[in-house]
Each structure stands twice: as C-alpha cells, then as structure tokens.
Amino acid sequence: MVATQGWIEAGKKNLAEANAKRKDQAEARRLARWEISERKRLIKKLIKLMKLRTTQIRKQEALARIYQHGVTIGDYTRCRKLNGTACDPCKAIAAQYVREKFHADPKYKEAEKAWKKANPDKIYRDNKDRALKHGAKHKYYTRQQIIDRDGLNCHICNREVDFQANHIVGQPGWELYPHIDHVIPIAKGGDDTLDNVKLAHAKCNTDKGAN
C-alpha cells in the first residue's frame, strides 16, 4: 500500500513537471512567434519609411532641377517656359549647344531650313499659335500650374519625369524630358487650356501622337 502510494505521488509529480514543461515550451513558442511577427512588422515599417524618404528626396531633387539654370541644354527650354524669356546663363548654354551642333554637323542648319521650307503648315511659334491655327480655344497657363495640380509623374506611364534630361529628341536621355501633352489632341479638336493638358515623358507623348 505504501509503495503504491509512492508510485501515485511520483506519477503526479512527473505529470505536473511534464505539464509545466509543456507550458514553458508553449510560452517559448508563443514568444518566438511574437518576436518574428514583431520583427516583420518593424521591417515593413522601416521599408515604408525608407520608401517615403526616398520619394521625398526625389521630389525635392526634381523641384530643385526645375529651377536649375545654365547647366544643361534642357535648362534653356524650361527657363523660357517658366519665365517667358530665358535668363542669360540658359541662353549661353543653348548658344554653346547650337555652336557645337553646327560644328559637328555643318549640314544641320541647311537641313533644318529645307524642312521648314517644305513644311510651312507644320511650323508653330508655340501651343497657342498651333491651337489658333486649328481653330481651338487657348487660355494662358504655366507648367508650374500643371505641376501644382498633378505632381511630377507622367500621366501616361505614371513614372516621374526628369527635368534635367536632354530636351532634344534623339539626344541621350531625351525620352524622360517632360512634355506638355494635350489629353485631347489639338488636331482632334482639343483646346490649349489648363483643363486639357498634363505632364508626360517626351517618349510617351511622341508615341501617343494624335491618338
């Protein structure tokens, strides 16, 4: 009887120890799962913050490039569109580009004159002139108004435009330069007004054409 009682007590003790061990193991597994989950959450949060910071930096850099002057040939067109007339540094960089272009290709000027002579109906001073010649409406707007309204992304591919890219078609990087795209093309009856224009990459705008 005493031996049986001893076995019972020993069994109870072993069972209690086993239960306590299982509880400890379950608690350890729970803590491990929590740590993994918390680590994943923190990593996701860190990635989100890094992406946000990267986006902010890119926007700041893009905005800084908008007001860059006299560094690349694209600055001349951007300065002229923003201010009406280009500043002296932008005029100087444009003049340098033209001199280098003529020096590299002496027939460039003659080819340009020949094209203008053969295509007088395709020569426009600006979008206003093009709109009026097509019988469309025109109302003054600026590129800054488009940026303030829509941001810096191309409305066709939804990727950011590059204001520092070369604006001359065929030159390295020209594809990312921002164009003002008429959502409904002027040739299709669209107006040259703020409601009908958005930013687009030069390549996206060229590929779209009059579609």
N, C-alpha and C. Protein backbone atom coordinates (compact mmCIF):
# COMPACT_ATOMS: atom_id res chain seq x y z
N MET A 1 0.83 -1.21 0.00
CA MET A 1 0.00 0.00 0.00
C MET A 1 0.87 1.26 0.00
N VAL A 2 1.90 1.23 0.81
CA VAL A 2 2.82 2.38 0.89
C VAL A 2 3.54 2.57 -0.44
N ALA A 3 3.96 1.42 -1.04
CA ALA A 3 4.66 1.50 -2.33
C ALA A 3 3.74 2.07 -3.41
N THR A 4 2.48 1.61 -3.39
CA THR A 4 1.51 2.12 -4.38
C THR A 4 1.30 3.61 -4.22
N GLN A 5 1.18 4.03 -2.95
CA GLN A 5 1.01 5.44 -2.68
C GLN A 5 2.20 6.24 -3.18
N GLY A 6 3.39 5.68 -3.04
CA GLY A 6 4.61 6.35 -3.51
C GLY A 6 4.62 6.49 -5.01
N TRP A 7 4.15 5.39 -5.70
CA TRP A 7 4.10 5.46 -7.17
C TRP A 7 3.11 6.54 -7.63
N ILE A 8 1.99 6.61 -6.92
CA ILE A 8 0.98 7.61 -7.29
C ILE A 8 1.53 9.02 -7.14
N GLU A 9 2.20 9.25 -6.02
CA GLU A 9 2.77 10.58 -5.79
C GLU A 9 3.84 10.91 -6.83
N ALA A 10 4.65 9.90 -7.14
CA ALA A 10 5.70 10.11 -8.14
C ALA A 10 5.08 10.40 -9.50
N GLY A 11 3.99 9.67 -9.82
CA GLY A 11 3.30 9.90 -11.11
C GLY A 11 2.72 11.30 -11.18
N LYS A 12 2.10 11.72 -10.05
CA LYS A 12 1.55 13.07 -10.03
C LYS A 12 2.64 14.13 -10.22
N LYS A 13 3.77 13.85 -9.55
CA LYS A 13 4.87 14.80 -9.65
C LYS A 13 5.40 14.88 -11.08
N ASN A 14 5.58 13.70 -11.73
CA ASN A 14 6.07 13.66 -13.11
C ASN A 14 5.09 14.34 -14.07
N LEU A 15 3.78 14.08 -13.81
CA LEU A 15 2.76 14.70 -14.65
C LEU A 15 2.77 16.23 -14.51
N ALA A 16 2.92 16.69 -13.27
CA ALA A 16 2.98 18.13 -13.03
C ALA A 16 4.19 18.74 -13.72
N GLU A 17 5.33 18.03 -13.60
CA GLU A 17 6.54 18.53 -14.25
C GLU A 17 6.39 18.56 -15.77
N ALA A 18 5.75 17.51 -16.33
CA ALA A 18 5.54 17.44 -17.77
C ALA A 18 4.62 18.56 -18.23
N ASN A 19 3.55 18.80 -17.45
CA ASN A 19 2.63 19.89 -17.81
C ASN A 19 3.32 21.26 -17.76
N ALA A 20 4.13 21.42 -16.69
CA ALA A 20 4.85 22.68 -16.56
C ALA A 20 5.83 22.86 -17.72
N LYS A 21 6.48 21.77 -18.12
CA LYS A 21 7.43 21.83 -19.23
C LYS A 21 6.72 22.18 -20.54
N ARG A 22 5.53 21.52 -20.74
CA ARG A 22 4.75 21.82 -21.96
C ARG A 22 4.32 23.30 -21.98
N LYS A 23 3.91 23.79 -20.81
CA LYS A 23 3.50 25.20 -20.73
C LYS A 23 4.68 26.12 -21.05
N ASP A 24 5.84 25.77 -20.50
CA ASP A 24 7.03 26.57 -20.78
C ASP A 24 7.37 26.55 -22.27
N GLN A 25 7.28 25.37 -22.87
CA GLN A 25 7.58 25.24 -24.30
C GLN A 25 6.56 26.01 -25.15
N ALA A 26 5.28 25.90 -24.76
CA ALA A 26 4.24 26.64 -25.48
C ALA A 26 4.45 28.14 -25.36
N GLU A 27 4.82 28.60 -24.15
CA GLU A 27 5.08 30.02 -23.95
C GLU A 27 6.30 30.47 -24.76
N ALA A 28 7.31 29.61 -24.82
CA ALA A 28 8.51 29.94 -25.60
C ALA A 28 8.17 30.04 -27.09
N ARG A 29 7.33 29.10 -27.57
CA ARG A 29 6.92 29.15 -28.98
C ARG A 29 6.10 30.41 -29.27
N ARG A 30 5.21 30.75 -28.31
CA ARG A 30 4.39 31.94 -28.49
C ARG A 30 5.27 33.20 -28.56
N LEU A 31 6.25 33.27 -27.66
CA LEU A 31 7.17 34.41 -27.66
C LEU A 31 7.99 34.47 -28.94
N ALA A 32 8.39 33.28 -29.41
CA ALA A 32 9.17 33.23 -30.65
C ALA A 32 8.33 33.73 -31.83
N ARG A 33 7.05 33.27 -31.88
CA ARG A 33 6.17 33.73 -32.95
C ARG A 33 5.93 35.23 -32.85
N TRP A 34 5.77 35.72 -31.63
CA TRP A 34 5.55 37.14 -31.44
C TRP A 34 6.77 37.96 -31.88
N GLU A 35 7.96 37.44 -31.53
CA GLU A 35 9.19 38.14 -31.91
C GLU A 35 9.33 38.19 -33.43
N ILE A 36 9.02 37.05 -34.09
CA ILE A 36 9.10 37.01 -35.56
C ILE A 36 8.10 37.98 -36.18
N SER A 37 6.87 37.96 -35.64
CA SER A 37 5.83 38.85 -36.15
C SER A 37 6.20 40.31 -35.92
N GLU A 38 6.74 40.62 -34.74
CA GLU A 38 7.14 41.98 -34.42
C GLU A 38 8.30 42.42 -35.30
N ARG A 39 9.23 41.50 -35.55
CA ARG A 39 10.37 41.82 -36.39
C ARG A 39 9.90 42.14 -37.82
N LYS A 40 8.96 41.32 -38.34
CA LYS A 40 8.43 41.55 -39.68
C LYS A 40 7.70 42.90 -39.75
N ARG A 41 6.95 43.19 -38.68
CA ARG A 41 6.21 44.45 -38.65
C ARG A 41 7.17 45.64 -38.67
N LEU A 42 8.24 45.54 -37.87
CA LEU A 42 9.22 46.62 -37.82
C LEU A 42 9.96 46.78 -39.14
N ILE A 43 10.26 45.64 -39.79
CA ILE A 43 10.94 45.69 -41.08
C ILE A 43 10.05 46.36 -42.12
N LYS A 44 8.75 45.98 -42.13
CA LYS A 44 7.81 46.60 -43.08
C LYS A 44 7.70 48.10 -42.83
N LYS A 45 7.67 48.47 -41.54
CA LYS A 45 7.56 49.89 -41.20
C LYS A 45 8.81 50.64 -41.66
N LEU A 46 9.98 50.01 -41.45
CA LEU A 46 11.24 50.64 -41.86
C LEU A 46 11.29 50.80 -43.38
N ILE A 47 10.86 49.76 -44.11
CA ILE A 47 10.85 49.83 -45.58
C ILE A 47 9.92 50.94 -46.06
N LYS A 48 8.76 51.03 -45.41
CA LYS A 48 7.79 52.07 -45.78
C LYS A 48 8.38 53.46 -45.55
N LEU A 49 9.06 53.64 -44.39
CA LEU A 49 9.67 54.94 -44.09
C LEU A 49 10.79 55.27 -45.08
N MET A 50 11.57 54.23 -45.45
CA MET A 50 12.66 54.45 -46.41
C MET A 50 12.11 54.83 -47.78
N LYS A 51 11.03 54.16 -48.20
CA LYS A 51 10.42 54.49 -49.49
C LYS A 51 9.87 55.91 -49.46
N LEU A 52 9.23 56.26 -48.34
CA LEU A 52 8.68 57.61 -48.21
C LEU A 52 9.78 58.65 -48.27
N ARG A 53 10.89 58.38 -47.57
CA ARG A 53 12.02 59.31 -47.56
C ARG A 53 12.63 59.42 -48.95
N THR A 54 12.75 58.26 -49.64
CA THR A 54 13.31 58.27 -50.99
C THR A 54 12.43 59.09 -51.93
N THR A 55 11.11 58.91 -51.80
CA THR A 55 10.18 59.67 -52.63
C THR A 55 10.29 61.16 -52.36
N GLN A 56 10.41 61.52 -51.08
CA GLN A 56 10.54 62.92 -50.72
C GLN A 56 11.83 63.52 -51.29
N ILE A 57 12.93 62.75 -51.21
CA ILE A 57 14.21 63.23 -51.73
C ILE A 57 14.13 63.42 -53.24
N ARG A 58 13.51 62.45 -53.93
CA ARG A 58 13.38 62.55 -55.38
C ARG A 58 12.54 63.75 -55.79
N LYS A 59 11.47 64.01 -55.04
CA LYS A 59 10.63 65.17 -55.34
C LYS A 59 11.40 66.46 -55.11
N GLN A 60 12.18 66.50 -54.01
CA GLN A 60 12.97 67.70 -53.74
C GLN A 60 14.01 67.93 -54.83
N GLU A 61 14.65 66.83 -55.27
CA GLU A 61 15.65 66.95 -56.33
C GLU A 61 15.00 67.40 -57.64
N ALA A 62 13.81 66.82 -57.92
CA ALA A 62 13.11 67.20 -59.15
C ALA A 62 12.70 68.67 -59.12
N LEU A 63 12.19 69.11 -57.98
CA LEU A 63 11.81 70.51 -57.85
C LEU A 63 13.02 71.43 -57.95
N ALA A 64 14.16 70.97 -57.40
CA ALA A 64 15.39 71.77 -57.50
C ALA A 64 15.84 71.89 -58.95
N ARG A 65 15.67 70.80 -59.73
CA ARG A 65 16.07 70.83 -61.14
C ARG A 65 15.19 71.76 -61.96
N ILE A 66 13.93 71.92 -61.51
CA ILE A 66 13.03 72.81 -62.24
C ILE A 66 13.60 74.22 -62.30
N TYR A 67 14.26 74.63 -61.21
CA TYR A 67 14.78 75.99 -61.13
C TYR A 67 16.29 76.04 -61.36
N GLN A 68 16.83 75.00 -61.99
CA GLN A 68 18.25 74.99 -62.34
C GLN A 68 18.47 75.81 -63.60
N HIS A 69 19.56 76.55 -63.66
CA HIS A 69 19.80 77.43 -64.80
C HIS A 69 21.23 77.27 -65.33
N GLY A 70 21.34 77.22 -66.64
CA GLY A 70 22.64 77.27 -67.30
C GLY A 70 23.54 76.08 -67.09
N VAL A 71 22.96 74.90 -66.83
CA VAL A 71 23.78 73.70 -66.62
C VAL A 71 23.69 72.76 -67.81
N THR A 72 22.48 72.47 -68.26
CA THR A 72 22.28 71.60 -69.42
C THR A 72 21.40 72.32 -70.44
N ILE A 73 21.36 71.77 -71.66
CA ILE A 73 20.57 72.38 -72.73
C ILE A 73 19.09 72.41 -72.37
N GLY A 74 18.64 71.44 -71.57
CA GLY A 74 17.23 71.42 -71.18
C GLY A 74 16.84 72.59 -70.31
N ASP A 75 17.82 73.22 -69.64
CA ASP A 75 17.51 74.36 -68.77
C ASP A 75 16.98 75.55 -69.58
N TYR A 76 17.43 75.67 -70.83
CA TYR A 76 17.00 76.82 -71.64
C TYR A 76 15.49 76.78 -71.91
N THR A 77 15.02 75.64 -72.38
CA THR A 77 13.59 75.50 -72.68
C THR A 77 12.75 75.63 -71.42
N ARG A 78 13.22 74.98 -70.34
CA ARG A 78 12.47 75.04 -69.07
C ARG A 78 12.40 76.48 -68.56
N CYS A 79 13.52 77.20 -68.61
CA CYS A 79 13.56 78.59 -68.13
C CYS A 79 12.65 79.48 -68.98
N ARG A 80 12.67 79.27 -70.28
CA ARG A 80 11.84 80.09 -71.18
C ARG A 80 10.36 79.83 -70.95
N LYS A 81 10.01 78.56 -70.69
CA LYS A 81 8.60 78.23 -70.46
C LYS A 81 8.10 78.76 -69.12
N LEU A 82 8.99 78.74 -68.13
CA LEU A 82 8.59 79.18 -66.79
C LEU A 82 8.54 80.71 -66.69
N ASN A 83 9.49 81.38 -67.36
CA ASN A 83 9.63 82.82 -67.16
C ASN A 83 9.28 83.68 -68.37
N GLY A 84 8.92 83.04 -69.46
CA GLY A 84 8.60 83.81 -70.67
C GLY A 84 9.82 84.02 -71.55
N THR A 85 10.93 84.44 -70.97
CA THR A 85 12.20 84.56 -71.68
C THR A 85 13.30 83.90 -70.84
N ALA A 86 14.24 83.26 -71.50
CA ALA A 86 15.30 82.56 -70.78
C ALA A 86 16.29 83.56 -70.19
N CYS A 87 16.90 83.17 -69.07
CA CYS A 87 17.91 84.01 -68.43
C CYS A 87 19.23 83.90 -69.19
N ASP A 88 20.18 84.75 -68.88
CA ASP A 88 21.47 84.77 -69.59
C ASP A 88 22.23 83.45 -69.51
N PRO A 89 22.35 82.81 -68.31
CA PRO A 89 23.07 81.52 -68.26
C PRO A 89 22.42 80.46 -69.14
N CYS A 90 21.08 80.44 -69.19
CA CYS A 90 20.39 79.45 -70.02
C CYS A 90 20.58 79.76 -71.50
N LYS A 91 20.57 81.05 -71.86
CA LYS A 91 20.83 81.43 -73.25
C LYS A 91 22.24 81.04 -73.65
N ALA A 92 23.18 81.19 -72.73
CA ALA A 92 24.59 80.87 -73.02
C ALA A 92 24.76 79.37 -73.28
N ILE A 93 24.11 78.54 -72.45
CA ILE A 93 24.25 77.09 -72.63
C ILE A 93 23.59 76.65 -73.93
N ALA A 94 22.47 77.32 -74.30
CA ALA A 94 21.79 77.00 -75.55
C ALA A 94 22.65 77.39 -76.74
N ALA A 95 23.27 78.58 -76.66
CA ALA A 95 24.14 79.04 -77.75
C ALA A 95 25.35 78.11 -77.92
N GLN A 96 25.88 77.66 -76.79
CA GLN A 96 27.01 76.72 -76.85
C GLN A 96 26.60 75.42 -77.52
N TYR A 97 25.40 74.94 -77.18
CA TYR A 97 24.91 73.69 -77.78
C TYR A 97 24.76 73.85 -79.30
N VAL A 98 24.18 74.99 -79.72
CA VAL A 98 23.97 75.22 -81.14
C VAL A 98 25.31 75.29 -81.87
N ARG A 99 26.29 75.99 -81.27
CA ARG A 99 27.61 76.09 -81.91
C ARG A 99 28.23 74.70 -82.06
N GLU A 100 28.15 73.90 -81.01
CA GLU A 100 28.74 72.56 -81.06
C GLU A 100 27.99 71.67 -82.06
N LYS A 101 26.66 71.86 -82.13
CA LYS A 101 25.87 71.05 -83.07
C LYS A 101 26.25 71.39 -84.51
N PHE A 102 26.34 72.68 -84.83
CA PHE A 102 26.71 73.08 -86.18
C PHE A 102 28.14 72.66 -86.52
N HIS A 103 29.01 72.72 -85.51
CA HIS A 103 30.40 72.32 -85.74
C HIS A 103 30.50 70.83 -86.04
N ALA A 104 29.70 70.04 -85.32
CA ALA A 104 29.73 68.59 -85.52
C ALA A 104 29.04 68.18 -86.82
N ASP A 105 28.01 68.95 -87.24
CA ASP A 105 27.25 68.61 -88.45
C ASP A 105 26.98 69.88 -89.24
N PRO A 106 27.88 70.26 -90.14
CA PRO A 106 27.72 71.51 -90.90
C PRO A 106 26.43 71.58 -91.72
N LYS A 107 25.86 70.43 -92.05
CA LYS A 107 24.65 70.40 -92.87
C LYS A 107 23.38 70.50 -92.03
N TYR A 108 23.55 70.58 -90.71
CA TYR A 108 22.38 70.60 -89.82
C TYR A 108 21.49 71.81 -90.11
N LYS A 109 22.10 73.00 -90.23
CA LYS A 109 21.33 74.21 -90.45
C LYS A 109 20.61 74.17 -91.79
N GLU A 110 21.32 73.71 -92.84
CA GLU A 110 20.71 73.63 -94.16
C GLU A 110 19.54 72.65 -94.17
N ALA A 111 19.69 71.51 -93.47
CA ALA A 111 18.62 70.51 -93.41
C ALA A 111 17.40 71.07 -92.67
N GLU A 112 17.67 71.86 -91.62
CA GLU A 112 16.57 72.46 -90.87
C GLU A 112 15.82 73.47 -91.73
N LYS A 113 16.55 74.29 -92.47
CA LYS A 113 15.91 75.27 -93.34
C LYS A 113 15.10 74.59 -94.43
N ALA A 114 15.64 73.50 -94.99
CA ALA A 114 14.94 72.79 -96.06
C ALA A 114 13.62 72.20 -95.54
N TRP A 115 13.66 71.67 -94.31
CA TRP A 115 12.43 71.08 -93.75
C TRP A 115 11.38 72.17 -93.51
N LYS A 116 11.80 73.32 -92.96
CA LYS A 116 10.85 74.41 -92.70
C LYS A 116 10.24 74.92 -94.00
N LYS A 117 11.05 74.97 -95.06
CA LYS A 117 10.54 75.44 -96.34
C LYS A 117 9.54 74.46 -96.92
N ALA A 118 9.78 73.17 -96.71
CA ALA A 118 8.89 72.14 -97.25
C ALA A 118 7.64 71.92 -96.39
N ASN A 119 7.67 72.37 -95.14
CA ASN A 119 6.55 72.13 -94.22
C ASN A 119 6.12 73.42 -93.52
N PRO A 120 5.71 74.44 -94.28
CA PRO A 120 5.33 75.71 -93.62
C PRO A 120 4.11 75.57 -92.72
N ASP A 121 3.22 74.61 -93.06
CA ASP A 121 1.99 74.43 -92.27
C ASP A 121 2.26 73.73 -90.94
N LYS A 122 3.47 73.19 -90.75
CA LYS A 122 3.80 72.48 -89.52
C LYS A 122 4.68 73.30 -88.58
N ILE A 123 4.90 74.54 -88.93
CA ILE A 123 5.75 75.41 -88.12
C ILE A 123 4.85 76.28 -87.24
N TYR A 124 5.02 76.12 -85.93
CA TYR A 124 4.23 76.90 -84.97
C TYR A 124 5.17 77.59 -84.00
N ARG A 125 4.80 78.80 -83.62
CA ARG A 125 5.61 79.52 -82.64
C ARG A 125 5.50 78.86 -81.26
N ASP A 126 4.28 78.42 -80.92
CA ASP A 126 4.04 77.80 -79.62
C ASP A 126 2.69 77.11 -79.67
N ASN A 127 2.25 76.56 -78.54
CA ASN A 127 0.97 75.86 -78.50
C ASN A 127 -0.20 76.79 -78.79
N LYS A 128 -0.07 78.03 -78.37
CA LYS A 128 -1.15 79.00 -78.64
C LYS A 128 -1.32 79.17 -80.14
N ASP A 129 -0.21 79.34 -80.85
CA ASP A 129 -0.25 79.51 -82.29
C ASP A 129 -0.85 78.28 -82.96
N ARG A 130 -0.45 77.10 -82.48
CA ARG A 130 -0.97 75.84 -83.06
C ARG A 130 -2.47 75.72 -82.82
N ALA A 131 -2.91 76.06 -81.59
CA ALA A 131 -4.33 75.97 -81.27
C ALA A 131 -5.15 76.91 -82.14
N LEU A 132 -4.68 78.15 -82.28
CA LEU A 132 -5.43 79.13 -83.07
C LEU A 132 -5.50 78.73 -84.54
N LYS A 133 -4.41 78.16 -85.05
CA LYS A 133 -4.41 77.73 -86.45
C LYS A 133 -5.34 76.55 -86.69
N HIS A 134 -5.62 75.79 -85.62
CA HIS A 134 -6.56 74.66 -85.73
C HIS A 134 -7.97 75.05 -85.30
N GLY A 135 -8.18 76.31 -84.99
CA GLY A 135 -9.50 76.75 -84.59
C GLY A 135 -9.88 76.34 -83.18
N ALA A 136 -8.89 76.04 -82.34
CA ALA A 136 -9.17 75.62 -80.96
C ALA A 136 -9.08 76.81 -80.01
N LYS A 137 -9.57 76.61 -78.81
CA LYS A 137 -9.52 77.65 -77.80
C LYS A 137 -8.14 77.66 -77.13
N HIS A 138 -7.74 78.82 -76.67
CA HIS A 138 -6.48 78.94 -75.92
C HIS A 138 -6.71 79.82 -74.70
N LYS A 139 -6.19 79.37 -73.56
CA LYS A 139 -6.22 80.18 -72.34
C LYS A 139 -4.88 79.99 -71.63
N TYR A 140 -4.25 81.10 -71.29
CA TYR A 140 -2.89 81.06 -70.74
C TYR A 140 -2.79 80.19 -69.49
N TYR A 141 -1.73 79.39 -69.43
CA TYR A 141 -1.43 78.56 -68.26
C TYR A 141 0.08 78.39 -68.21
N THR A 142 0.58 77.93 -67.07
CA THR A 142 2.02 77.68 -66.91
C THR A 142 2.25 76.22 -66.56
N ARG A 143 3.47 75.78 -66.78
CA ARG A 143 3.80 74.41 -66.43
C ARG A 143 3.76 74.21 -64.91
N GLN A 144 4.09 75.27 -64.18
CA GLN A 144 4.04 75.18 -62.72
C GLN A 144 2.62 74.90 -62.24
N GLN A 145 1.62 75.45 -62.92
CA GLN A 145 0.24 75.18 -62.55
C GLN A 145 -0.09 73.70 -62.74
N ILE A 146 0.44 73.10 -63.79
CA ILE A 146 0.21 71.67 -64.04
C ILE A 146 0.87 70.84 -62.96
N ILE A 147 2.12 71.23 -62.58
CA ILE A 147 2.84 70.50 -61.54
C ILE A 147 2.13 70.62 -60.20
N ASP A 148 1.67 71.82 -59.87
CA ASP A 148 0.96 72.01 -58.60
C ASP A 148 -0.32 71.18 -58.54
N ARG A 149 -0.95 71.01 -59.67
CA ARG A 149 -2.21 70.27 -59.71
C ARG A 149 -2.00 68.76 -59.75
N ASP A 150 -1.05 68.29 -60.59
CA ASP A 150 -0.92 66.85 -60.85
C ASP A 150 0.32 66.20 -60.27
N GLY A 151 1.32 66.98 -59.84
CA GLY A 151 2.57 66.38 -59.38
C GLY A 151 3.56 66.25 -60.51
N LEU A 152 4.56 65.37 -60.32
CA LEU A 152 5.69 65.28 -61.25
C LEU A 152 5.70 64.00 -62.07
N ASN A 153 4.60 63.25 -62.05
CA ASN A 153 4.56 61.99 -62.78
C ASN A 153 3.94 62.15 -64.17
N CYS A 154 4.44 61.36 -65.10
CA CYS A 154 3.86 61.30 -66.44
C CYS A 154 2.45 60.71 -66.33
N HIS A 155 1.48 61.36 -66.92
CA HIS A 155 0.10 60.86 -66.77
C HIS A 155 -0.16 59.63 -67.64
N ILE A 156 0.78 59.29 -68.54
CA ILE A 156 0.59 58.14 -69.41
C ILE A 156 1.14 56.86 -68.77
N CYS A 157 2.39 56.93 -68.26
CA CYS A 157 3.00 55.73 -67.66
C CYS A 157 3.09 55.81 -66.14
N ASN A 158 2.76 56.98 -65.58
CA ASN A 158 2.73 57.20 -64.12
C ASN A 158 4.10 57.10 -63.48
N ARG A 159 5.17 57.35 -64.25
CA ARG A 159 6.51 57.43 -63.68
C ARG A 159 6.98 58.88 -63.71
N GLU A 160 7.92 59.20 -62.83
CA GLU A 160 8.34 60.59 -62.68
C GLU A 160 9.12 61.08 -63.91
N VAL A 161 8.86 62.31 -64.28
CA VAL A 161 9.60 62.92 -65.39
C VAL A 161 10.93 63.45 -64.88
N ASP A 162 11.84 63.73 -65.80
CA ASP A 162 13.17 64.20 -65.42
C ASP A 162 13.41 65.56 -66.06
N PHE A 163 13.37 66.63 -65.25
CA PHE A 163 13.53 67.97 -65.77
C PHE A 163 14.98 68.26 -66.19
N GLN A 164 15.91 67.38 -65.81
CA GLN A 164 17.30 67.59 -66.17
C GLN A 164 17.67 66.83 -67.44
N ALA A 165 16.74 66.05 -67.96
CA ALA A 165 17.01 65.28 -69.16
C ALA A 165 17.16 66.21 -70.37
N ASN A 166 17.84 65.71 -71.38
CA ASN A 166 18.03 66.49 -72.60
C ASN A 166 16.70 66.63 -73.34
N HIS A 167 16.35 67.86 -73.75
CA HIS A 167 15.05 68.06 -74.39
C HIS A 167 15.11 67.89 -75.91
N ILE A 168 16.31 67.67 -76.44
CA ILE A 168 16.46 67.49 -77.89
C ILE A 168 16.20 66.02 -78.24
N VAL A 169 15.20 65.77 -79.08
CA VAL A 169 14.85 64.41 -79.46
C VAL A 169 16.05 63.72 -80.11
N GLY A 170 16.34 62.51 -79.66
CA GLY A 170 17.45 61.75 -80.20
C GLY A 170 18.72 61.84 -79.38
N GLN A 171 18.80 62.87 -78.52
CA GLN A 171 19.96 63.01 -77.64
C GLN A 171 19.80 62.06 -76.44
N PRO A 172 20.90 61.62 -75.82
CA PRO A 172 20.81 60.67 -74.69
C PRO A 172 19.90 61.17 -73.58
N GLY A 173 18.94 60.35 -73.20
CA GLY A 173 18.05 60.67 -72.09
C GLY A 173 16.84 61.51 -72.45
N TRP A 174 16.67 61.84 -73.73
CA TRP A 174 15.56 62.73 -74.14
C TRP A 174 14.20 62.13 -73.81
N GLU A 175 14.13 60.80 -73.71
CA GLU A 175 12.83 60.14 -73.52
C GLU A 175 12.13 60.56 -72.22
N LEU A 176 12.92 60.95 -71.19
CA LEU A 176 12.33 61.25 -69.88
C LEU A 176 12.02 62.73 -69.68
N TYR A 177 12.38 63.57 -70.66
CA TYR A 177 12.11 65.00 -70.51
C TYR A 177 10.61 65.26 -70.49
N PRO A 178 10.13 66.20 -69.66
CA PRO A 178 8.68 66.44 -69.57
C PRO A 178 8.13 67.26 -70.74
N HIS A 179 7.10 66.73 -71.36
CA HIS A 179 6.35 67.46 -72.36
C HIS A 179 4.99 67.84 -71.78
N ILE A 180 4.39 68.88 -72.33
CA ILE A 180 3.00 69.20 -72.00
C ILE A 180 2.13 68.51 -73.04
N ASP A 181 1.41 67.50 -72.59
CA ASP A 181 0.59 66.70 -73.50
C ASP A 181 -0.85 67.18 -73.46
N HIS A 182 -1.44 67.39 -74.62
CA HIS A 182 -2.87 67.70 -74.71
C HIS A 182 -3.64 66.39 -74.68
N VAL A 183 -4.38 66.16 -73.61
CA VAL A 183 -5.11 64.90 -73.43
C VAL A 183 -5.98 64.63 -74.65
N ILE A 184 -6.78 65.61 -75.04
CA ILE A 184 -7.47 65.55 -76.33
C ILE A 184 -6.62 66.37 -77.29
N PRO A 185 -5.94 65.74 -78.25
CA PRO A 185 -5.01 66.46 -79.12
C PRO A 185 -5.68 67.64 -79.82
N ILE A 186 -4.90 68.69 -80.04
CA ILE A 186 -5.42 69.86 -80.75
C ILE A 186 -5.89 69.46 -82.14
N ALA A 187 -5.17 68.52 -82.76
CA ALA A 187 -5.54 68.06 -84.10
C ALA A 187 -6.89 67.34 -84.11
N LYS A 188 -7.33 66.87 -82.94
CA LYS A 188 -8.61 66.17 -82.83
C LYS A 188 -9.69 67.06 -82.23
N GLY A 189 -9.42 68.35 -82.11
CA GLY A 189 -10.43 69.27 -81.60
C GLY A 189 -10.23 69.68 -80.15
N GLY A 190 -9.12 69.26 -79.53
CA GLY A 190 -8.86 69.64 -78.14
C GLY A 190 -8.42 71.08 -78.02
N ASP A 191 -8.60 71.65 -76.85
CA ASP A 191 -8.23 73.05 -76.60
C ASP A 191 -6.87 73.14 -75.92
N ASP A 192 -6.24 74.28 -76.08
CA ASP A 192 -4.98 74.55 -75.39
C ASP A 192 -5.29 75.32 -74.11
N THR A 193 -5.85 74.59 -73.14
CA THR A 193 -6.23 75.16 -71.85
C THR A 193 -5.74 74.25 -70.74
N LEU A 194 -5.70 74.76 -69.52
CA LEU A 194 -5.19 74.01 -68.38
C LEU A 194 -5.96 72.71 -68.16
N ASP A 195 -7.25 72.72 -68.43
CA ASP A 195 -8.08 71.53 -68.21
C ASP A 195 -7.72 70.40 -69.16
N ASN A 196 -7.05 70.70 -70.26
CA ASN A 196 -6.79 69.69 -71.27
C ASN A 196 -5.32 69.32 -71.39
N VAL A 197 -4.49 69.74 -70.43
CA VAL A 197 -3.06 69.45 -70.52
C VAL A 197 -2.56 68.73 -69.26
N LYS A 198 -1.59 67.84 -69.45
CA LYS A 198 -0.95 67.12 -68.36
C LYS A 198 0.52 66.91 -68.72
N LEU A 199 1.34 66.60 -67.70
CA LEU A 199 2.75 66.30 -67.95
C LEU A 199 2.89 64.89 -68.52
N ALA A 200 3.82 64.73 -69.43
CA ALA A 200 4.10 63.40 -69.99
C ALA A 200 5.57 63.33 -70.39
N HIS A 201 6.15 62.13 -70.34
CA HIS A 201 7.50 61.95 -70.86
C HIS A 201 7.51 62.29 -72.36
N ALA A 202 8.63 62.78 -72.84
CA ALA A 202 8.75 63.10 -74.26
C ALA A 202 8.45 61.86 -75.12
N LYS A 203 8.98 60.70 -74.71
CA LYS A 203 8.77 59.46 -75.47
C LYS A 203 7.31 59.04 -75.41
N CYS A 204 6.69 59.13 -74.22
CA CYS A 204 5.28 58.75 -74.10
C CYS A 204 4.42 59.67 -74.96
N ASN A 205 4.73 60.95 -74.94
CA ASN A 205 3.95 61.91 -75.71
C ASN A 205 4.14 61.69 -77.21
N THR A 206 5.38 61.39 -77.61
CA THR A 206 5.65 61.14 -79.02
C THR A 206 4.94 59.87 -79.50
N ASP A 207 5.00 58.82 -78.69
CA ASP A 207 4.33 57.56 -79.05
C ASP A 207 2.81 57.74 -79.13
N LYS A 208 2.28 58.57 -78.24
CA LYS A 208 0.84 58.80 -78.25
C LYS A 208 0.41 59.54 -79.50
N GLY A 209 1.22 60.53 -79.92
CA GLY A 209 0.92 61.29 -81.11
C GLY A 209 -0.43 61.97 -81.02
N ALA A 210 -1.24 61.82 -82.06
CA ALA A 210 -2.56 62.46 -82.11
C ALA A 210 -3.67 61.48 -81.70
N ASN A 211 -3.29 60.41 -80.99
CA ASN A 211 -4.30 59.44 -80.55
C ASN A 211 -5.08 59.98 -79.36
